[in-house]
Amino acid sequence: MSKRMGAAFAAAALVVFALHAQSLACTCPPSTFCEKTSSSVWLIHGRVTEKIDPKTQVDPVVVTVEIQAILKSNPAVRIGNVITVKTGANSALCGVLFTVGEEYLFAMNDDFYVSSCGATRQWSTITKEQFSILSAGGDCPVPAKHVLRKDEQLRVADSGRVTEKIDPKTQVDPVVVTVEIQTIFKSNPAVRIGSVITVTTGANSALCGVLFTVGEEYLFAMNDDFYVSSCGATQQWSTLTKEQFSILSAGGDCPVVDPCS
């Protein structure tokens, strides 16, 4: 076979392969947004600054991306860094259609290859619920547990007034509040009424954060890390019922039922 015939045969085979690929629809396995993000090694908010179209219909599209925010990534990557991302040449190859100048969520693994089957999408299309998942590092929300197991009993239960609140710098950092202790129900003996402690909680409700207001009083139910969650017993003091106050007065322990009564 001559070189010319060989080249013609290769070109024809490439065209047939490309036409066959385009005739097939991209088929993605069913999965939720958080399943896609939790399985991704990288979650990056970035802006496409350059796009290089493929030379053939089977080569990938290559885009240059300027990082705007890092949601889940290698710590060595910084905001403002530029990375190169690849995707399929067309929708039949599960490619993502990128537009220069637009911002996207890039959900990918270490090969920096994105697919329309993943969570990669235009940033402006992300919903409030999806953004909450991203703020939690892409992990699926854990259903709240309103009853503590015996091995999860709290070591500190105090009432206190919030005197200062420091909002987080990012949506994944904790909220920090300064608390002046009013009453001690269960605590380290070194803590006294009038003492001031620092308590942290999640940045928002999606991270099980407690919404604190400066000047208000709360029941703080926590362990030695002084971190409180909306899944626990922490709540505004004024919302406590008579039954709940009785439990607190007993040191927070559940009432023991006499089996003989």
C-alpha atoms as a PDB file:
ATOM      1  CA  MET A   1       0.000   0.000   0.000  1.00  0.00           C
ATOM      2  CA  SER A   2       1.404   3.397  -0.982  1.00  0.00           C
ATOM      3  CA  LYS A   3       1.854   6.167   1.570  1.00  0.00           C
ATOM      4  CA  ARG A   4      -0.834   8.175  -0.226  1.00  0.00           C
ATOM      5  CA  MET A   5      -3.340   5.324  -0.040  1.00  0.00           C
ATOM      6  CA  GLY A   6      -2.438   4.706   3.592  1.00  0.00           C
ATOM      7  CA  ALA A   7      -3.024   8.356   4.494  1.00  0.00           C
ATOM      8  CA  ALA A   8      -6.345   8.343   2.626  1.00  0.00           C
ATOM      9  CA  PHE A   9      -7.436   5.196   4.437  1.00  0.00           C
ATOM     10  CA  ALA A  10      -6.521   6.670   7.816  1.00  0.00           C
ATOM     11  CA  ALA A  11      -8.399   9.876   7.046  1.00  0.00           C
ATOM     12  CA  ALA A  12     -11.463   7.935   5.934  1.00  0.00           C
ATOM     13  CA  ALA A  13     -11.364   5.819   9.101  1.00  0.00           C
ATOM     14  CA  LEU A  14     -11.134   8.954  11.222  1.00  0.00           C
ATOM     15  CA  VAL A  15     -14.152  10.476   9.494  1.00  0.00           C
ATOM     16  CA  VAL A  16     -16.157   7.270   9.950  1.00  0.00           C
ATOM     17  CA  PHE A  17     -15.203   7.160  13.637  1.00  0.00           C
ATOM     18  CA  ALA A  18     -16.156  10.807  14.144  1.00  0.00           C
ATOM     19  CA  LEU A  19     -19.502  10.382  12.376  1.00  0.00           C
ATOM     20  CA  HIS A  20     -20.189   7.267  14.435  1.00  0.00           C
ATOM     21  CA  ALA A  21     -19.357   9.148  17.654  1.00  0.00           C
ATOM     22  CA  GLN A  22     -21.672  11.997  16.718  1.00  0.00           C
ATOM     23  CA  SER A  23     -24.466   9.541  15.955  1.00  0.00           C
ATOM     24  CA  LEU A  24     -24.307   8.289  19.536  1.00  0.00           C
ATOM     25  CA  ALA A  25     -25.810  10.341  22.336  1.00  0.00           C
ATOM     26  CA  CYS A  26     -23.804  10.926  25.483  1.00  0.00           C
ATOM     27  CA  THR A  27     -25.229   8.536  28.063  1.00  0.00           C
ATOM     28  CA  CYS A  28     -24.663   9.435  31.713  1.00  0.00           C
ATOM     29  CA  PRO A  29     -25.374   7.170  34.700  1.00  0.00           C
ATOM     30  CA  PRO A  30     -28.061   8.599  36.999  1.00  0.00           C
ATOM     31  CA  SER A  31     -26.642  10.563  39.943  1.00  0.00           C
ATOM     32  CA  THR A  32     -27.459  13.610  42.044  1.00  0.00           C
ATOM     33  CA  PHE A  33     -25.510  16.869  42.105  1.00  0.00           C
ATOM     34  CA  CYS A  34     -23.911  16.096  45.464  1.00  0.00           C
ATOM     35  CA  GLU A  35     -22.948  12.603  44.334  1.00  0.00           C
ATOM     36  CA  LYS A  36     -21.137  14.188  41.407  1.00  0.00           C
ATOM     37  CA  THR A  37     -19.396  16.816  43.520  1.00  0.00           C
ATOM     38  CA  SER A  38     -18.461  14.439  46.344  1.00  0.00           C
ATOM     39  CA  SER A  39     -16.782  12.086  43.855  1.00  0.00           C
ATOM     40  CA  SER A  40     -14.791  14.941  42.290  1.00  0.00           C
ATOM     41  CA  VAL A  41     -11.252  15.640  43.493  1.00  0.00           C
ATOM     42  CA  TRP A  42     -11.397  19.261  42.334  1.00  0.00           C
ATOM     43  CA  LEU A  43     -14.245  21.782  42.639  1.00  0.00           C
ATOM     44  CA  ILE A  44     -13.223  25.153  41.250  1.00  0.00           C
ATOM     45  CA  HIS A  45     -15.037  28.332  40.298  1.00  0.00           C
ATOM     46  CA  GLY A  46     -13.171  29.671  37.283  1.00  0.00           C
ATOM     47  CA  ARG A  47     -13.388  31.973  34.270  1.00  0.00           C
ATOM     48  CA  VAL A  48     -12.506  30.742  30.782  1.00  0.00           C
ATOM     49  CA  THR A  49      -9.878  33.061  29.291  1.00  0.00           C
ATOM     50  CA  GLU A  50      -8.973  31.066  26.179  1.00  0.00           C
ATOM     51  CA  LYS A  51     -10.443  28.198  24.166  1.00  0.00           C
ATOM     52  CA  ILE A  52      -8.589  26.026  21.656  1.00  0.00           C
ATOM     53  CA  ASP A  53     -10.873  24.049  19.357  1.00  0.00           C
ATOM     54  CA  PRO A  54      -9.812  20.511  18.425  1.00  0.00           C
ATOM     55  CA  LYS A  55      -7.925  19.775  15.216  1.00  0.00           C
ATOM     56  CA  THR A  56     -10.114  16.728  14.648  1.00  0.00           C
ATOM     57  CA  GLN A  57     -13.543  15.690  15.900  1.00  0.00           C
ATOM     58  CA  VAL A  58     -12.016  13.230  18.325  1.00  0.00           C
ATOM     59  CA  ASP A  59      -9.413  15.509  19.866  1.00  0.00           C
ATOM     60  CA  PRO A  60     -10.453  17.316  23.085  1.00  0.00           C
ATOM     61  CA  VAL A  61     -11.347  20.978  23.445  1.00  0.00           C
ATOM     62  CA  VAL A  62      -8.742  22.757  25.591  1.00  0.00           C
ATOM     63  CA  VAL A  63      -9.621  25.801  27.718  1.00  0.00           C
ATOM     64  CA  THR A  64      -7.468  28.048  29.879  1.00  0.00           C
ATOM     65  CA  VAL A  65      -9.132  28.808  33.215  1.00  0.00           C
ATOM     66  CA  GLU A  66      -8.388  31.573  35.721  1.00  0.00           C
ATOM     67  CA  ILE A  67      -9.347  30.382  39.206  1.00  0.00           C
ATOM     68  CA  GLN A  68     -11.865  32.619  40.999  1.00  0.00           C
ATOM     69  CA  ALA A  69     -12.606  30.458  44.046  1.00  0.00           C
ATOM     70  CA  ILE A  70     -11.442  27.082  45.364  1.00  0.00           C
ATOM     71  CA  LEU A  71     -14.117  24.861  46.893  1.00  0.00           C
ATOM     72  CA  LYS A  72     -12.262  21.538  46.960  1.00  0.00           C
ATOM     73  CA  SER A  73      -8.724  21.243  45.702  1.00  0.00           C
ATOM     74  CA  ASN A  74      -5.031  20.688  46.190  1.00  0.00           C
ATOM     75  CA  PRO A  75      -3.817  23.263  48.786  1.00  0.00           C
ATOM     76  CA  ALA A  76      -0.987  24.266  46.430  1.00  0.00           C
ATOM     77  CA  VAL A  77      -3.482  25.877  44.034  1.00  0.00           C
ATOM     78  CA  ARG A  78      -4.333  29.506  44.722  1.00  0.00           C
ATOM     79  CA  ILE A  79      -7.001  31.953  43.596  1.00  0.00           C
ATOM     80  CA  GLY A  80      -5.729  33.735  40.490  1.00  0.00           C
ATOM     81  CA  ASN A  81      -3.731  30.718  39.278  1.00  0.00           C
ATOM     82  CA  VAL A  82      -4.297  29.586  35.700  1.00  0.00           C
ATOM     83  CA  ILE A  83      -4.993  25.953  34.824  1.00  0.00           C
ATOM     84  CA  THR A  84      -5.689  24.046  31.606  1.00  0.00           C
ATOM     85  CA  VAL A  85      -8.867  21.964  31.383  1.00  0.00           C
ATOM     86  CA  LYS A  86      -9.964  19.540  28.663  1.00  0.00           C
ATOM     87  CA  THR A  87     -13.382  18.269  27.579  1.00  0.00           C
ATOM     88  CA  GLY A  88     -14.926  16.251  24.741  1.00  0.00           C
ATOM     89  CA  ALA A  89     -15.029  17.791  21.269  1.00  0.00           C
ATOM     90  CA  ASN A  90     -18.830  17.706  21.098  1.00  0.00           C
ATOM     91  CA  SER A  91     -21.963  16.713  23.027  1.00  0.00           C
ATOM     92  CA  ALA A  92     -21.836  13.163  21.645  1.00  0.00           C
ATOM     93  CA  LEU A  93     -18.480  12.811  23.399  1.00  0.00           C
ATOM     94  CA  CYS A  94     -19.981  14.263  26.599  1.00  0.00           C
ATOM     95  CA  GLY A  95     -18.151  17.541  26.053  1.00  0.00           C
ATOM     96  CA  VAL A  96     -19.022  20.717  27.946  1.00  0.00           C
ATOM     97  CA  LEU A  97     -19.691  23.750  25.741  1.00  0.00           C
ATOM     98  CA  PHE A  98     -17.468  26.554  27.054  1.00  0.00           C
ATOM     99  CA  THR A  99     -17.620  30.253  26.114  1.00  0.00           C
ATOM    100  CA  VAL A 100     -14.604  32.529  26.584  1.00  0.00           C
ATOM    101  CA  GLY A 101     -15.264  35.124  29.274  1.00  0.00           C
ATOM    102  CA  GLU A 102     -17.906  33.068  31.070  1.00  0.00           C
ATOM    103  CA  GLU A 103     -17.538  31.594  34.563  1.00  0.00           C
ATOM    104  CA  TYR A 104     -18.105  27.939  35.393  1.00  0.00           C
ATOM    105  CA  LEU A 105     -17.994  25.379  38.163  1.00  0.00           C
ATOM    106  CA  PHE A 106     -15.265  22.898  37.209  1.00  0.00           C
ATOM    107  CA  ALA A 107     -15.784  19.468  38.818  1.00  0.00           C
ATOM    108  CA  MET A 108     -12.929  17.136  37.899  1.00  0.00           C
ATOM    109  CA  ASN A 109     -10.263  14.714  38.977  1.00  0.00           C
ATOM    110  CA  ASP A 110      -6.488  15.038  38.726  1.00  0.00           C
ATOM    111  CA  ASP A 111      -6.553  14.664  34.927  1.00  0.00           C
ATOM    112  CA  PHE A 112      -8.341  18.062  34.678  1.00  0.00           C
ATOM    113  CA  TYR A 113     -10.842  16.559  32.234  1.00  0.00           C
ATOM    114  CA  VAL A 114     -14.498  17.556  32.584  1.00  0.00           C
ATOM    115  CA  SER A 115     -17.613  15.886  31.214  1.00  0.00           C
ATOM    116  CA  SER A 116     -21.232  16.881  30.785  1.00  0.00           C
ATOM    117  CA  CYS A 117     -22.016  13.829  32.938  1.00  0.00           C
ATOM    118  CA  GLY A 118     -20.346  15.528  35.918  1.00  0.00           C
ATOM    119  CA  ALA A 119     -21.182  18.607  37.958  1.00  0.00           C
ATOM    120  CA  THR A 120     -19.359  21.053  35.655  1.00  0.00           C
ATOM    121  CA  ARG A 121     -21.749  23.820  34.596  1.00  0.00           C
ATOM    122  CA  GLN A 122     -22.098  27.560  34.044  1.00  0.00           C
ATOM    123  CA  TRP A 123     -21.702  29.327  37.377  1.00  0.00           C
ATOM    124  CA  SER A 124     -24.828  31.442  36.907  1.00  0.00           C
ATOM    125  CA  THR A 125     -27.021  28.317  36.684  1.00  0.00           C
ATOM    126  CA  ILE A 126     -26.102  26.986  40.148  1.00  0.00           C
ATOM    127  CA  THR A 127     -29.095  26.893  42.499  1.00  0.00           C
ATOM    128  CA  LYS A 128     -29.176  27.911  46.147  1.00  0.00           C
ATOM    129  CA  GLU A 129     -29.337  24.257  47.225  1.00  0.00           C
ATOM    130  CA  GLN A 130     -26.376  23.355  45.008  1.00  0.00           C
ATOM    131  CA  PHE A 131     -24.381  26.295  46.329  1.00  0.00           C
ATOM    132  CA  SER A 132     -25.007  25.061  49.882  1.00  0.00           C
ATOM    133  CA  ILE A 133     -23.547  21.684  48.882  1.00  0.00           C
ATOM    134  CA  LEU A 134     -20.509  23.398  47.355  1.00  0.00           C
ATOM    135  CA  SER A 135     -20.057  25.427  50.552  1.00  0.00           C
ATOM    136  CA  ALA A 136     -19.799  22.128  52.410  1.00  0.00           C
ATOM    137  CA  GLY A 137     -16.954  20.986  50.164  1.00  0.00           C
ATOM    138  CA  GLY A 138     -19.231  19.166  47.748  1.00  0.00           C
ATOM    139  CA  ASP A 139     -20.266  16.475  50.221  1.00  0.00           C
ATOM    140  CA  CYS A 140     -23.855  15.265  50.389  1.00  0.00           C
ATOM    141  CA  PRO A 141     -25.776  16.604  53.411  1.00  0.00           C
ATOM    142  CA  VAL A 142     -25.968  14.251  56.368  1.00  0.00           C
ATOM    143  CA  PRO A 143     -29.498  13.860  57.765  1.00  0.00           C
ATOM    144  CA  ALA A 144     -29.826  15.629  61.091  1.00  0.00           C
ATOM    145  CA  LYS A 145     -29.888  13.450  64.209  1.00  0.00           C
ATOM    146  CA  HIS A 146     -32.087  14.962  66.876  1.00  0.00           C
ATOM    147  CA  VAL A 147     -31.475  12.250  69.482  1.00  0.00           C
ATOM    148  CA  LEU A 148     -27.985  11.750  70.909  1.00  0.00           C
ATOM    149  CA  ARG A 149     -26.662   8.250  71.374  1.00  0.00           C
ATOM    150  CA  LYS A 150     -25.120   7.353  74.733  1.00  0.00           C
ATOM    151  CA  ASP A 151     -21.632   7.669  73.275  1.00  0.00           C
ATOM    152  CA  GLU A 152     -22.430  11.192  72.071  1.00  0.00           C
ATOM    153  CA  GLN A 153     -23.496  12.684  75.415  1.00  0.00           C
ATOM    154  CA  LEU A 154     -22.438  16.293  75.827  1.00  0.00           C
ATOM    155  CA  ARG A 155     -19.809  17.373  78.333  1.00  0.00           C
ATOM    156  CA  VAL A 156     -20.792  21.062  78.496  1.00  0.00           C
ATOM    157  CA  ALA A 157     -24.265  22.576  78.908  1.00  0.00           C
ATOM    158  CA  ASP A 158     -24.380  26.272  79.792  1.00  0.00           C
ATOM    159  CA  SER A 159     -26.663  29.210  79.283  1.00  0.00           C
ATOM    160  CA  GLY A 160     -24.936  32.297  77.973  1.00  0.00           C
ATOM    161  CA  ARG A 161     -25.414  35.671  76.338  1.00  0.00           C
ATOM    162  CA  VAL A 162     -23.774  36.358  72.976  1.00  0.00           C
ATOM    163  CA  THR A 163     -21.704  39.555  73.319  1.00  0.00           C
ATOM    164  CA  GLU A 164     -19.905  39.479  69.964  1.00  0.00           C
ATOM    165  CA  LYS A 165     -20.278  37.697  66.643  1.00  0.00           C
ATOM    166  CA  ILE A 166     -17.596  37.357  63.956  1.00  0.00           C
ATOM    167  CA  ASP A 167     -18.929  36.331  60.561  1.00  0.00           C
ATOM    168  CA  PRO A 168     -16.808  33.942  58.461  1.00  0.00           C
ATOM    169  CA  LYS A 169     -14.385  35.216  55.816  1.00  0.00           C
ATOM    170  CA  THR A 170     -15.514  32.471  53.454  1.00  0.00           C
ATOM    171  CA  GLN A 171     -18.656  30.376  53.256  1.00  0.00           C
ATOM    172  CA  VAL A 172     -16.882  27.341  54.646  1.00  0.00           C
ATOM    173  CA  ASP A 173     -15.223  29.009  57.647  1.00  0.00           C
ATOM    174  CA  PRO A 174     -17.115  28.856  60.978  1.00  0.00           C
ATOM    175  CA  VAL A 175     -19.030  31.657  62.666  1.00  0.00           C
ATOM    176  CA  VAL A 176     -17.319  32.661  65.938  1.00  0.00           C
ATOM    177  CA  VAL A 177     -19.264  34.092  68.889  1.00  0.00           C
ATOM    178  CA  THR A 178     -18.107  35.402  72.257  1.00  0.00           C
ATOM    179  CA  VAL A 179     -20.351  34.160  75.082  1.00  0.00           C
ATOM    180  CA  GLU A 180     -20.720  35.430  78.640  1.00  0.00           C
ATOM    181  CA  ILE A 181     -21.816  32.509  80.819  1.00  0.00           C
ATOM    182  CA  GLN A 182     -25.030  33.099  82.782  1.00  0.00           C
ATOM    183  CA  THR A 183     -25.755  29.629  84.192  1.00  0.00           C
ATOM    184  CA  ILE A 184     -23.801  26.367  84.336  1.00  0.00           C
ATOM    185  CA  PHE A 185     -25.699  23.078  84.104  1.00  0.00           C
ATOM    186  CA  LYS A 186     -22.881  20.767  83.080  1.00  0.00           C
ATOM    187  CA  SER A 187     -19.331  21.939  82.551  1.00  0.00           C
ATOM    188  CA  ASN A 188     -15.646  21.941  83.341  1.00  0.00           C
ATOM    189  CA  PRO A 189     -15.269  22.982  87.014  1.00  0.00           C
ATOM    190  CA  ALA A 190     -12.773  25.645  85.938  1.00  0.00           C
ATOM    191  CA  VAL A 191     -15.558  27.571  84.160  1.00  0.00           C
ATOM    192  CA  ARG A 192     -17.418  30.090  86.311  1.00  0.00           C
ATOM    193  CA  ILE A 193     -20.556  32.189  85.926  1.00  0.00           C
ATOM    194  CA  GLY A 194     -19.482  35.454  84.317  1.00  0.00           C
ATOM    195  CA  SER A 195     -16.617  33.784  82.454  1.00  0.00           C
ATOM    196  CA  VAL A 196     -16.272  34.514  78.756  1.00  0.00           C
ATOM    197  CA  ILE A 197     -15.815  31.698  76.247  1.00  0.00           C
ATOM    198  CA  THR A 198     -15.520  31.478  72.468  1.00  0.00           C
ATOM    199  CA  VAL A 199     -17.927  29.210  70.604  1.00  0.00           C
ATOM    200  CA  THR A 200     -17.920  28.277  66.913  1.00  0.00           C
ATOM    201  CA  THR A 201     -20.672  26.989  64.608  1.00  0.00           C
ATOM    202  CA  GLY A 202     -21.248  26.316  60.909  1.00  0.00           C
ATOM    203  CA  ALA A 203     -21.378  29.259  58.507  1.00  0.00           C
ATOM    204  CA  ASN A 204     -24.954  28.545  57.431  1.00  0.00           C
ATOM    205  CA  SER A 205     -27.893  26.173  57.881  1.00  0.00           C
ATOM    206  CA  ALA A 206     -26.550  23.822  55.187  1.00  0.00           C
ATOM    207  CA  LEU A 207     -23.515  23.311  57.421  1.00  0.00           C
ATOM    208  CA  CYS A 208     -25.776  22.784  60.467  1.00  0.00           C
ATOM    209  CA  GLY A 209     -24.855  26.203  61.819  1.00  0.00           C
ATOM    210  CA  VAL A 210     -26.808  27.868  64.635  1.00  0.00           C
ATOM    211  CA  LEU A 211     -28.051  31.385  63.849  1.00  0.00           C
ATOM    212  CA  PHE A 212     -26.885  33.612  66.722  1.00  0.00           C
ATOM    213  CA  THR A 213     -27.922  37.207  67.467  1.00  0.00           C
ATOM    214  CA  VAL A 214     -25.746  39.494  69.587  1.00  0.00           C
ATOM    215  CA  GLY A 215     -27.425  40.327  72.896  1.00  0.00           C
ATOM    216  CA  GLU A 216     -29.613  37.224  72.943  1.00  0.00           C
ATOM    217  CA  GLU A 217     -29.274  34.342  75.418  1.00  0.00           C
ATOM    218  CA  TYR A 218     -28.931  30.703  74.412  1.00  0.00           C
ATOM    219  CA  LEU A 219     -28.462  27.224  75.770  1.00  0.00           C
ATOM    220  CA  PHE A 220     -25.035  26.071  74.571  1.00  0.00           C
ATOM    221  CA  ALA A 221     -24.799  22.271  74.368  1.00  0.00           C
ATOM    222  CA  MET A 222     -21.321  21.203  73.258  1.00  0.00           C
ATOM    223  CA  ASN A 223     -18.223  19.137  73.861  1.00  0.00           C
ATOM    224  CA  ASP A 224     -14.725  20.296  74.758  1.00  0.00           C
ATOM    225  CA  ASP A 225     -14.162  21.743  71.271  1.00  0.00           C
ATOM    226  CA  PHE A 226     -16.858  24.388  72.039  1.00  0.00           C
ATOM    227  CA  TYR A 227     -18.447  23.778  68.628  1.00  0.00           C
ATOM    228  CA  VAL A 228     -22.243  23.793  68.429  1.00  0.00           C
ATOM    229  CA  SER A 229     -24.560  22.434  65.757  1.00  0.00           C
ATOM    230  CA  SER A 230     -28.222  22.858  64.885  1.00  0.00           C
ATOM    231  CA  CYS A 231     -28.403  19.058  65.136  1.00  0.00           C
ATOM    232  CA  GLY A 232     -27.719  19.309  68.866  1.00  0.00           C
ATOM    233  CA  ALA A 233     -29.572  20.851  71.813  1.00  0.00           C
ATOM    234  CA  THR A 234     -28.239  24.411  71.367  1.00  0.00           C
ATOM    235  CA  GLN A 235     -31.178  26.810  71.061  1.00  0.00           C
ATOM    236  CA  GLN A 236     -32.441  30.237  72.068  1.00  0.00           C
ATOM    237  CA  TRP A 237     -33.009  30.323  75.819  1.00  0.00           C
ATOM    238  CA  SER A 238     -36.523  31.729  75.501  1.00  0.00           C
ATOM    239  CA  THR A 239     -37.643  28.682  73.483  1.00  0.00           C
ATOM    240  CA  LEU A 240     -36.902  26.140  76.229  1.00  0.00           C
ATOM    241  CA  THR A 241     -39.952  24.315  77.566  1.00  0.00           C
ATOM    242  CA  LYS A 242     -40.655  23.483  81.204  1.00  0.00           C
ATOM    243  CA  GLU A 243     -39.794  19.838  80.538  1.00  0.00           C
ATOM    244  CA  GLN A 244     -36.490  20.760  78.888  1.00  0.00           C
ATOM    245  CA  PHE A 245     -35.564  23.044  81.776  1.00  0.00           C
ATOM    246  CA  SER A 246     -36.223  20.187  84.196  1.00  0.00           C
ATOM    247  CA  ILE A 247     -33.791  18.001  82.237  1.00  0.00           C
ATOM    248  CA  LEU A 248     -31.167  20.765  82.348  1.00  0.00           C
ATOM    249  CA  SER A 249     -31.661  21.161  86.097  1.00  0.00           C
ATOM    250  CA  ALA A 250     -30.806  17.448  86.404  1.00  0.00           C
ATOM    251  CA  GLY A 251     -27.491  18.034  84.642  1.00  0.00           C
ATOM    252  CA  GLY A 252     -28.861  17.302  81.177  1.00  0.00           C
ATOM    253  CA  ASP A 253     -29.394  13.595  81.826  1.00  0.00           C
ATOM    254  CA  CYS A 254     -32.499  11.858  80.510  1.00  0.00           C
ATOM    255  CA  PRO A 255     -35.031  10.946  83.228  1.00  0.00           C
ATOM    256  CA  VAL A 256     -34.759   7.359  84.480  1.00  0.00           C
ATOM    257  CA  VAL A 257     -38.060   5.478  84.318  1.00  0.00           C
ATOM    258  CA  ASP A 258     -38.752   3.114  87.180  1.00  0.00           C
ATOM    259  CA  PRO A 259     -39.714  -0.221  85.534  1.00  0.00           C
ATOM    260  CA  CYS A 260     -41.651  -1.190  88.648  1.00  0.00           C
ATOM    261  CA  SER A 261     -43.946   1.830  88.606  1.00  0.00           C
END
